[in-house]
Amino acid sequence: MDKRNQGPEDLSTGERMATVGGAIADAMKHKAKGEHETDHGARQTVSLSDAESIIAEWPDAPKRGA
């Protein structure tokens, strides 16, 4: 299975914990700066048709979430 089609169940517990730990550290960094981690992303926009074409290439589970 290539990385593009992997889901959380394909990772070891250690890999999942490392990912969560990195996300928490990143969020804490933003909080210390007095910003929210989504501030930068909120300034980025794409058209609906571009978003739909991007999502069409995603694996099934994230595609359903989107």
PDB file of N, CA and C in Angstrom:
ATOM      1  N   MET A   1       0.863  -1.184   0.000  1.00  0.00           N
ATOM      2  CA  MET A   1       0.000   0.000   0.000  1.00  0.00           C
ATOM      3  C   MET A   1       0.901   1.237   0.000  1.00  0.00           C
ATOM      4  N   ASP A   2       0.602   2.179  -0.886  1.00  0.00           N
ATOM      5  CA  ASP A   2       1.426   3.386  -0.899  1.00  0.00           C
ATOM      6  C   ASP A   2       0.957   4.343   0.194  1.00  0.00           C
ATOM      7  N   LYS A   3       1.814   5.300   0.526  1.00  0.00           N
ATOM      8  CA  LYS A   3       1.514   6.223   1.631  1.00  0.00           C
ATOM      9  C   LYS A   3       0.231   6.999   1.388  1.00  0.00           C
ATOM     10  N   ARG A   4      -0.114   7.256   0.143  1.00  0.00           N
ATOM     11  CA  ARG A   4      -1.305   8.044  -0.179  1.00  0.00           C
ATOM     12  C   ARG A   4      -2.586   7.354   0.296  1.00  0.00           C
ATOM     13  N   ASN A   5      -2.574   6.021   0.343  1.00  0.00           N
ATOM     14  CA  ASN A   5      -3.772   5.286   0.722  1.00  0.00           C
ATOM     15  C   ASN A   5      -3.716   4.753   2.144  1.00  0.00           C
ATOM     16  N   GLN A   6      -2.735   5.180   2.923  1.00  0.00           N
ATOM     17  CA  GLN A   6      -2.643   4.721   4.302  1.00  0.00           C
ATOM     18  C   GLN A   6      -3.623   5.463   5.190  1.00  0.00           C
ATOM     19  N   GLY A   7      -4.068   4.787   6.212  1.00  0.00           N
ATOM     20  CA  GLY A   7      -4.925   5.394   7.221  1.00  0.00           C
ATOM     21  C   GLY A   7      -4.305   5.167   8.583  1.00  0.00           C
ATOM     22  N   PRO A   8      -4.917   5.688   9.629  1.00  0.00           N
ATOM     23  CA  PRO A   8      -4.372   5.537  10.979  1.00  0.00           C
ATOM     24  C   PRO A   8      -4.138   4.082  11.367  1.00  0.00           C
ATOM     25  N   GLU A   9      -4.981   3.180  10.883  1.00  0.00           N
ATOM     26  CA  GLU A   9      -4.842   1.777  11.249  1.00  0.00           C
ATOM     27  C   GLU A   9      -3.595   1.137  10.640  1.00  0.00           C
ATOM     28  N   ASP A  10      -2.977   1.801   9.669  1.00  0.00           N
ATOM     29  CA  ASP A  10      -1.776   1.279   9.022  1.00  0.00           C
ATOM     30  C   ASP A  10      -0.495   1.714   9.725  1.00  0.00           C
ATOM     31  N   LEU A  11      -0.611   2.545  10.742  1.00  0.00           N
ATOM     32  CA  LEU A  11       0.558   3.032  11.475  1.00  0.00           C
ATOM     33  C   LEU A  11       0.678   2.300  12.803  1.00  0.00           C
ATOM     34  N   SER A  12       1.908   2.184  13.255  1.00  0.00           N
ATOM     35  CA  SER A  12       2.116   1.588  14.573  1.00  0.00           C
ATOM     36  C   SER A  12       1.646   2.571  15.646  1.00  0.00           C
ATOM     37  N   THR A  13       1.445   2.061  16.833  1.00  0.00           N
ATOM     38  CA  THR A  13       1.041   2.923  17.942  1.00  0.00           C
ATOM     39  C   THR A  13       2.070   4.025  18.156  1.00  0.00           C
ATOM     40  N   GLY A  14       3.344   3.682  18.068  1.00  0.00           N
ATOM     41  CA  GLY A  14       4.398   4.675  18.250  1.00  0.00           C
ATOM     42  C   GLY A  14       4.342   5.781  17.209  1.00  0.00           C
ATOM     43  N   GLU A  15       4.069   5.415  15.951  1.00  0.00           N
ATOM     44  CA  GLU A  15       3.967   6.426  14.891  1.00  0.00           C
ATOM     45  C   GLU A  15       2.758   7.332  15.113  1.00  0.00           C
ATOM     46  N   ARG A  16       1.630   6.743  15.538  1.00  0.00           N
ATOM     47  CA  ARG A  16       0.440   7.561  15.811  1.00  0.00           C
ATOM     48  C   ARG A  16       0.700   8.508  16.974  1.00  0.00           C
ATOM     49  N   MET A  17       1.347   8.000  18.037  1.00  0.00           N
ATOM     50  CA  MET A  17       1.643   8.845  19.207  1.00  0.00           C
ATOM     51  C   MET A  17       2.612   9.968  18.845  1.00  0.00           C
ATOM     52  N   ALA A  18       3.599   9.679  17.984  1.00  0.00           N
ATOM     53  CA  ALA A  18       4.542  10.705  17.552  1.00  0.00           C
ATOM     54  C   ALA A  18       3.821  11.801  16.767  1.00  0.00           C
ATOM     55  N   THR A  19       2.868  11.401  15.935  1.00  0.00           N
ATOM     56  CA  THR A  19       2.096  12.374  15.161  1.00  0.00           C
ATOM     57  C   THR A  19       1.264  13.257  16.088  1.00  0.00           C
ATOM     58  N   VAL A  20       0.598  12.632  17.054  1.00  0.00           N
ATOM     59  CA  VAL A  20      -0.208  13.394  18.016  1.00  0.00           C
ATOM     60  C   VAL A  20       0.691  14.326  18.831  1.00  0.00           C
ATOM     61  N   GLY A  21       1.823  13.816  19.281  1.00  0.00           N
ATOM     62  CA  GLY A  21       2.752  14.645  20.054  1.00  0.00           C
ATOM     63  C   GLY A  21       3.229  15.847  19.267  1.00  0.00           C
ATOM     64  N   GLY A  22       3.526  15.643  17.984  1.00  0.00           N
ATOM     65  CA  GLY A  22       3.943  16.760  17.137  1.00  0.00           C
ATOM     66  C   GLY A  22       2.843  17.785  16.966  1.00  0.00           C
ATOM     67  N   ALA A  23       1.613  17.319  16.805  1.00  0.00           N
ATOM     68  CA  ALA A  23       0.480  18.234  16.658  1.00  0.00           C
ATOM     69  C   ALA A  23       0.257  19.042  17.934  1.00  0.00           C
ATOM     70  N   ILE A  24       0.399  18.389  19.085  1.00  0.00           N
ATOM     71  CA  ILE A  24       0.229  19.091  20.358  1.00  0.00           C
ATOM     72  C   ILE A  24       1.324  20.137  20.529  1.00  0.00           C
ATOM     73  N   ALA A  25       2.563  19.772  20.212  1.00  0.00           N
ATOM     74  CA  ALA A  25       3.669  20.724  20.335  1.00  0.00           C
ATOM     75  C   ALA A  25       3.454  21.928  19.422  1.00  0.00           C
ATOM     76  N   ASP A  26       2.977  21.677  18.205  1.00  0.00           N
ATOM     77  CA  ASP A  26       2.712  22.765  17.269  1.00  0.00           C
ATOM     78  C   ASP A  26       1.614  23.683  17.795  1.00  0.00           C
ATOM     79  N   ALA A  27       0.544  23.091  18.341  1.00  0.00           N
ATOM     80  CA  ALA A  27      -0.547  23.897  18.898  1.00  0.00           C
ATOM     81  C   ALA A  27      -0.068  24.737  20.086  1.00  0.00           C
ATOM     82  N   MET A  28       0.785  24.146  20.921  1.00  0.00           N
ATOM     83  CA  MET A  28       1.309  24.888  22.075  1.00  0.00           C
ATOM     84  C   MET A  28       2.184  26.062  21.619  1.00  0.00           C
ATOM     85  N   LYS A  29       2.937  25.859  20.543  1.00  0.00           N
ATOM     86  CA  LYS A  29       3.770  26.936  19.991  1.00  0.00           C
ATOM     87  C   LYS A  29       2.889  28.108  19.542  1.00  0.00           C
ATOM     88  N   HIS A  30       1.810  27.786  18.833  1.00  0.00           N
ATOM     89  CA  HIS A  30       0.898  28.843  18.389  1.00  0.00           C
ATOM     90  C   HIS A  30       0.249  29.545  19.579  1.00  0.00           C
ATOM     91  N   LYS A  31      -0.153  28.782  20.573  1.00  0.00           N
ATOM     92  CA  LYS A  31      -0.792  29.370  21.752  1.00  0.00           C
ATOM     93  C   LYS A  31       0.170  30.303  22.472  1.00  0.00           C
ATOM     94  N   ALA A  32       1.446  29.914  22.574  1.00  0.00           N
ATOM     95  CA  ALA A  32       2.439  30.763  23.231  1.00  0.00           C
ATOM     96  C   ALA A  32       2.638  32.072  22.479  1.00  0.00           C
ATOM     97  N   LYS A  33       2.452  32.038  21.170  1.00  0.00           N
ATOM     98  CA  LYS A  33       2.581  33.257  20.357  1.00  0.00           C
ATOM     99  C   LYS A  33       1.301  34.095  20.377  1.00  0.00           C
ATOM    100  N   GLY A  34       0.254  33.565  21.003  1.00  0.00           N
ATOM    101  CA  GLY A  34      -1.014  34.293  21.066  1.00  0.00           C
ATOM    102  C   GLY A  34      -1.825  34.193  19.792  1.00  0.00           C
ATOM    103  N   GLU A  35      -1.620  33.133  19.047  1.00  0.00           N
ATOM    104  CA  GLU A  35      -2.379  32.954  17.818  1.00  0.00           C
ATOM    105  C   GLU A  35      -3.037  31.582  17.828  1.00  0.00           C
ATOM    106  N   HIS A  36      -3.941  31.383  16.903  1.00  0.00           N
ATOM    107  CA  HIS A  36      -4.587  30.080  16.783  1.00  0.00           C
ATOM    108  C   HIS A  36      -3.955  29.358  15.601  1.00  0.00           C
ATOM    109  N   GLU A  37      -3.837  28.035  15.701  1.00  0.00           N
ATOM    110  CA  GLU A  37      -3.156  27.288  14.655  1.00  0.00           C
ATOM    111  C   GLU A  37      -3.853  27.353  13.302  1.00  0.00           C
ATOM    112  N   THR A  38      -5.105  27.777  13.260  1.00  0.00           N
ATOM    113  CA  THR A  38      -5.808  27.870  11.980  1.00  0.00           C
ATOM    114  C   THR A  38      -5.741  29.263  11.364  1.00  0.00           C
ATOM    115  N   ASP A  39      -5.124  30.234  12.047  1.00  0.00           N
ATOM    116  CA  ASP A  39      -5.079  31.599  11.518  1.00  0.00           C
ATOM    117  C   ASP A  39      -4.467  31.663  10.124  1.00  0.00           C
ATOM    118  N   HIS A  40      -3.316  31.019   9.943  1.00  0.00           N
ATOM    119  CA  HIS A  40      -2.666  31.061   8.631  1.00  0.00           C
ATOM    120  C   HIS A  40      -3.538  30.379   7.578  1.00  0.00           C
ATOM    121  N   GLY A  41      -4.077  29.220   7.906  1.00  0.00           N
ATOM    122  CA  GLY A  41      -4.914  28.491   6.961  1.00  0.00           C
ATOM    123  C   GLY A  41      -6.174  29.254   6.592  1.00  0.00           C
ATOM    124  N   ALA A  42      -6.704  30.009   7.525  1.00  0.00           N
ATOM    125  CA  ALA A  42      -7.927  30.773   7.255  1.00  0.00           C
ATOM    126  C   ALA A  42      -7.687  31.866   6.225  1.00  0.00           C
ATOM    127  N   ARG A  43      -6.436  32.280   6.084  1.00  0.00           N
ATOM    128  CA  ARG A  43      -6.112  33.316   5.090  1.00  0.00           C
ATOM    129  C   ARG A  43      -5.935  32.733   3.696  1.00  0.00           C
ATOM    130  N   GLN A  44      -5.905  31.414   3.584  1.00  0.00           N
ATOM    131  CA  GLN A  44      -5.723  30.746   2.299  1.00  0.00           C
ATOM    132  C   GLN A  44      -7.086  30.324   1.761  1.00  0.00           C
ATOM    133  N   THR A  45      -7.375  30.628   0.525  1.00  0.00           N
ATOM    134  CA  THR A  45      -8.655  30.230  -0.045  1.00  0.00           C
ATOM    135  C   THR A  45      -8.452  29.634  -1.438  1.00  0.00           C
ATOM    136  N   VAL A  46      -9.342  28.766  -1.825  1.00  0.00           N
ATOM    137  CA  VAL A  46      -9.397  28.219  -3.179  1.00  0.00           C
ATOM    138  C   VAL A  46     -10.863  28.190  -3.585  1.00  0.00           C
ATOM    139  N   SER A  47     -11.093  28.122  -4.872  1.00  0.00           N
ATOM    140  CA  SER A  47     -12.479  28.050  -5.347  1.00  0.00           C
ATOM    141  C   SER A  47     -13.074  26.695  -4.995  1.00  0.00           C
ATOM    142  N   LEU A  48     -14.388  26.631  -4.964  1.00  0.00           N
ATOM    143  CA  LEU A  48     -15.086  25.392  -4.653  1.00  0.00           C
ATOM    144  C   LEU A  48     -14.711  24.309  -5.659  1.00  0.00           C
ATOM    145  N   SER A  49     -14.649  24.642  -6.930  1.00  0.00           N
ATOM    146  CA  SER A  49     -14.316  23.632  -7.942  1.00  0.00           C
ATOM    147  C   SER A  49     -12.892  23.114  -7.759  1.00  0.00           C
ATOM    148  N   ASP A  50     -11.946  23.994  -7.381  1.00  0.00           N
ATOM    149  CA  ASP A  50     -10.576  23.543  -7.107  1.00  0.00           C
ATOM    150  C   ASP A  50     -10.546  22.619  -5.894  1.00  0.00           C
ATOM    151  N   ALA A  51     -11.281  22.982  -4.856  1.00  0.00           N
ATOM    152  CA  ALA A  51     -11.327  22.150  -3.656  1.00  0.00           C
ATOM    153  C   ALA A  51     -11.913  20.783  -3.980  1.00  0.00           C
ATOM    154  N   GLU A  52     -12.981  20.744  -4.748  1.00  0.00           N
ATOM    155  CA  GLU A  52     -13.603  19.474  -5.103  1.00  0.00           C
ATOM    156  C   GLU A  52     -12.670  18.601  -5.937  1.00  0.00           C
ATOM    157  N   SER A  53     -11.905  19.207  -6.852  1.00  0.00           N
ATOM    158  CA  SER A  53     -10.992  18.403  -7.664  1.00  0.00           C
ATOM    159  C   SER A  53      -9.826  17.878  -6.824  1.00  0.00           C
ATOM    160  N   ILE A  54      -9.395  18.634  -5.828  1.00  0.00           N
ATOM    161  CA  ILE A  54      -8.342  18.166  -4.924  1.00  0.00           C
ATOM    162  C   ILE A  54      -8.857  17.001  -4.084  1.00  0.00           C
ATOM    163  N   ILE A  55     -10.034  17.174  -3.495  1.00  0.00           N
ATOM    164  CA  ILE A  55     -10.618  16.143  -2.638  1.00  0.00           C
ATOM    165  C   ILE A  55     -10.903  14.869  -3.420  1.00  0.00           C
ATOM    166  N   ALA A  56     -11.210  14.977  -4.689  1.00  0.00           N
ATOM    167  CA  ALA A  56     -11.503  13.805  -5.513  1.00  0.00           C
ATOM    168  C   ALA A  56     -10.322  12.831  -5.567  1.00  0.00           C
ATOM    169  N   GLU A  57      -9.108  13.328  -5.359  1.00  0.00           N
ATOM    170  CA  GLU A  57      -7.908  12.500  -5.403  1.00  0.00           C
ATOM    171  C   GLU A  57      -7.567  11.869  -4.050  1.00  0.00           C
ATOM    172  N   TRP A  58      -8.267  12.236  -2.992  1.00  0.00           N
ATOM    173  CA  TRP A  58      -7.974  11.735  -1.655  1.00  0.00           C
ATOM    174  C   TRP A  58      -8.427  10.291  -1.494  1.00  0.00           C
ATOM    175  N   PRO A  59      -7.835   9.571  -0.526  1.00  0.00           N
ATOM    176  CA  PRO A  59      -8.340   8.233  -0.193  1.00  0.00           C
ATOM    177  C   PRO A  59      -9.774   8.332   0.342  1.00  0.00           C
ATOM    178  N   ASP A  60     -10.468   7.194   0.342  1.00  0.00           N
ATOM    179  CA  ASP A  60     -11.899   7.186   0.686  1.00  0.00           C
ATOM    180  C   ASP A  60     -12.237   7.774   2.054  1.00  0.00           C
ATOM    181  N   ALA A  61     -11.521   7.385   3.104  1.00  0.00           N
ATOM    182  CA  ALA A  61     -11.893   7.846   4.452  1.00  0.00           C
ATOM    183  C   ALA A  61     -11.814   9.363   4.591  1.00  0.00           C
ATOM    184  N   PRO A  62     -10.714  10.011   4.230  1.00  0.00           N
ATOM    185  CA  PRO A  62     -10.692  11.473   4.336  1.00  0.00           C
ATOM    186  C   PRO A  62     -11.679  12.146   3.375  1.00  0.00           C
ATOM    187  N   LYS A  63     -11.889  11.510   2.226  1.00  0.00           N
ATOM    188  CA  LYS A  63     -12.839  12.073   1.262  1.00  0.00           C
ATOM    189  C   LYS A  63     -14.240  12.110   1.872  1.00  0.00           C
ATOM    190  N   ARG A  64     -14.624  11.037   2.572  1.00  0.00           N
ATOM    191  CA  ARG A  64     -15.940  11.029   3.227  1.00  0.00           C
ATOM    192  C   ARG A  64     -16.020  12.111   4.288  1.00  0.00           C
ATOM    193  N   GLY A  65     -14.932  12.343   5.006  1.00  0.00           N
ATOM    194  CA  GLY A  65     -14.909  13.383   6.026  1.00  0.00           C
ATOM    195  C   GLY A  65     -15.041  14.773   5.447  1.00  0.00           C
ATOM    196  N   ALA A  66     -14.448  14.959   4.290  1.00  0.00           N
ATOM    197  CA  ALA A  66     -14.493  16.278   3.643  1.00  0.00           C
ATOM    198  C   ALA A  66     -15.880  16.534   3.104  1.00  0.00           C
TER     199      ALA A  66
END
